[in-house]
Amino acid sequence: MEEAGFAEDVAVVRDLYAEGRIDEAVALVPQGLIDAFAVVGTPDEAREQLQRFRDVAVALPMLSLRTSPGLTMTRQETVDRSMR
């Protein structure tokens, strides 16, 4: 993500997350980073987003559905908070 121009954002978010300040970290994730790396939304929206990756020659998207050790939120709670 740093290579894509998000180095400073990633550093701040990573530090807040490591300090347990999850809500603050989530609030600071830039929409541009989400748009560049994530596939979120309805199935139709996800298909459109995956096509965007295919259009720039990404042939094998990688999925990461894990949560970090020590995180007390469920995956769904994490997703819900990130959508605020």
C-alpha atoms as a PDB file:
ATOM      1  CA  MET A   1       0.000   0.000   0.000  1.00  0.00           C
ATOM      2  CA  GLU A   2       2.940   2.262   0.636  1.00  0.00           C
ATOM      3  CA  GLU A   3       4.028   1.837  -2.989  1.00  0.00           C
ATOM      4  CA  ALA A   4       0.618   3.076  -4.128  1.00  0.00           C
ATOM      5  CA  GLY A   5       1.067   6.406  -2.357  1.00  0.00           C
ATOM      6  CA  PHE A   6      -0.509   5.636   0.997  1.00  0.00           C
ATOM      7  CA  ALA A   7       2.672   5.378   3.111  1.00  0.00           C
ATOM      8  CA  GLU A   8       1.824   8.133   5.581  1.00  0.00           C
ATOM      9  CA  ASP A   9      -1.798   7.039   5.926  1.00  0.00           C
ATOM     10  CA  VAL A  10      -0.798   3.422   6.483  1.00  0.00           C
ATOM     11  CA  ALA A  11       1.764   4.387   9.134  1.00  0.00           C
ATOM     12  CA  VAL A  12      -0.739   6.456  11.122  1.00  0.00           C
ATOM     13  CA  VAL A  13      -3.476   3.827  10.892  1.00  0.00           C
ATOM     14  CA  ARG A  14      -1.046   1.032  11.808  1.00  0.00           C
ATOM     15  CA  ASP A  15       0.186   2.943  14.893  1.00  0.00           C
ATOM     16  CA  LEU A  16      -3.318   3.721  16.126  1.00  0.00           C
ATOM     17  CA  TYR A  17      -4.389   0.120  15.568  1.00  0.00           C
ATOM     18  CA  ALA A  18      -1.355  -1.170  17.479  1.00  0.00           C
ATOM     19  CA  GLU A  19      -2.269   1.125  20.371  1.00  0.00           C
ATOM     20  CA  GLY A  20      -5.749  -0.389  20.454  1.00  0.00           C
ATOM     21  CA  ARG A  21      -7.366   2.777  19.113  1.00  0.00           C
ATOM     22  CA  ILE A  22      -9.368   0.841  16.549  1.00  0.00           C
ATOM     23  CA  ASP A  23     -12.185   3.336  15.964  1.00  0.00           C
ATOM     24  CA  GLU A  24      -9.699   6.136  15.323  1.00  0.00           C
ATOM     25  CA  ALA A  25      -7.684   3.923  12.983  1.00  0.00           C
ATOM     26  CA  VAL A  26     -10.750   2.894  10.995  1.00  0.00           C
ATOM     27  CA  ALA A  27     -11.895   6.509  10.697  1.00  0.00           C
ATOM     28  CA  LEU A  28      -8.556   7.507   9.162  1.00  0.00           C
ATOM     29  CA  VAL A  29      -8.442   4.882   6.403  1.00  0.00           C
ATOM     30  CA  PRO A  30      -8.719   7.018   3.266  1.00  0.00           C
ATOM     31  CA  GLN A  31     -11.504   6.209   0.830  1.00  0.00           C
ATOM     32  CA  GLY A  32      -8.932   6.213  -1.964  1.00  0.00           C
ATOM     33  CA  LEU A  33      -7.075   3.341  -0.293  1.00  0.00           C
ATOM     34  CA  ILE A  34     -10.289   1.362   0.055  1.00  0.00           C
ATOM     35  CA  ASP A  35     -11.177   2.035  -3.574  1.00  0.00           C
ATOM     36  CA  ALA A  36      -7.706   0.981  -4.726  1.00  0.00           C
ATOM     37  CA  PHE A  37      -7.445  -2.281  -2.783  1.00  0.00           C
ATOM     38  CA  ALA A  38     -10.802  -3.511  -1.518  1.00  0.00           C
ATOM     39  CA  VAL A  39     -13.828  -5.219  -2.975  1.00  0.00           C
ATOM     40  CA  VAL A  40     -16.882  -4.302  -0.930  1.00  0.00           C
ATOM     41  CA  GLY A  41     -20.588  -3.940  -1.486  1.00  0.00           C
ATOM     42  CA  THR A  42     -23.360  -5.928  -3.077  1.00  0.00           C
ATOM     43  CA  PRO A  43     -22.572  -8.894  -5.320  1.00  0.00           C
ATOM     44  CA  ASP A  44     -23.129  -6.708  -8.405  1.00  0.00           C
ATOM     45  CA  GLU A  45     -20.828  -4.009  -7.017  1.00  0.00           C
ATOM     46  CA  ALA A  46     -18.204  -6.621  -6.183  1.00  0.00           C
ATOM     47  CA  ARG A  47     -18.344  -8.010  -9.724  1.00  0.00           C
ATOM     48  CA  GLU A  48     -17.849  -4.512 -11.131  1.00  0.00           C
ATOM     49  CA  GLN A  49     -14.907  -3.892  -8.810  1.00  0.00           C
ATOM     50  CA  LEU A  50     -13.309  -7.218  -9.718  1.00  0.00           C
ATOM     51  CA  GLN A  51     -13.696  -6.324 -13.376  1.00  0.00           C
ATOM     52  CA  ARG A  52     -11.811  -3.094 -12.692  1.00  0.00           C
ATOM     53  CA  PHE A  53      -8.900  -5.194 -11.404  1.00  0.00           C
ATOM     54  CA  ARG A  54      -9.116  -7.511 -14.426  1.00  0.00           C
ATOM     55  CA  ASP A  55      -9.025  -4.481 -16.723  1.00  0.00           C
ATOM     56  CA  VAL A  56      -5.557  -3.628 -15.390  1.00  0.00           C
ATOM     57  CA  ALA A  57      -4.321  -7.237 -15.718  1.00  0.00           C
ATOM     58  CA  VAL A  58      -4.862  -8.475 -12.158  1.00  0.00           C
ATOM     59  CA  ALA A  59      -5.541 -12.128 -12.908  1.00  0.00           C
ATOM     60  CA  LEU A  60      -5.595 -13.579  -9.409  1.00  0.00           C
ATOM     61  CA  PRO A  61      -7.039 -11.352  -6.682  1.00  0.00           C
ATOM     62  CA  MET A  62      -5.966 -12.351  -3.182  1.00  0.00           C
ATOM     63  CA  LEU A  63      -8.524 -12.407  -0.388  1.00  0.00           C
ATOM     64  CA  SER A  64      -7.716 -11.658   3.236  1.00  0.00           C
ATOM     65  CA  LEU A  65     -10.576 -12.387   5.582  1.00  0.00           C
ATOM     66  CA  ARG A  66      -8.659 -12.587   8.813  1.00  0.00           C
ATOM     67  CA  THR A  67      -8.691 -10.388  11.870  1.00  0.00           C
ATOM     68  CA  SER A  68      -5.606  -9.486  13.852  1.00  0.00           C
ATOM     69  CA  PRO A  69      -4.642 -11.293  17.067  1.00  0.00           C
ATOM     70  CA  GLY A  70      -6.120  -9.621  20.113  1.00  0.00           C
ATOM     71  CA  LEU A  71      -8.925  -7.996  18.159  1.00  0.00           C
ATOM     72  CA  THR A  72     -12.066  -8.484  20.181  1.00  0.00           C
ATOM     73  CA  MET A  73     -14.472  -7.521  17.404  1.00  0.00           C
ATOM     74  CA  THR A  74     -15.952 -10.103  15.107  1.00  0.00           C
ATOM     75  CA  ARG A  75     -15.286  -9.795  11.386  1.00  0.00           C
ATOM     76  CA  GLN A  76     -18.813  -8.462  10.892  1.00  0.00           C
ATOM     77  CA  GLU A  77     -18.355  -5.823  13.592  1.00  0.00           C
ATOM     78  CA  THR A  78     -15.106  -4.769  11.928  1.00  0.00           C
ATOM     79  CA  VAL A  79     -16.846  -4.449   8.568  1.00  0.00           C
ATOM     80  CA  ASP A  80     -19.766  -2.569  10.119  1.00  0.00           C
ATOM     81  CA  ARG A  81     -17.423  -0.057  11.782  1.00  0.00           C
ATOM     82  CA  SER A  82     -15.470   0.474   8.596  1.00  0.00           C
ATOM     83  CA  MET A  83     -18.662   1.359   6.719  1.00  0.00           C
ATOM     84  CA  ARG A  84     -19.582   4.269   9.030  1.00  0.00           C
END
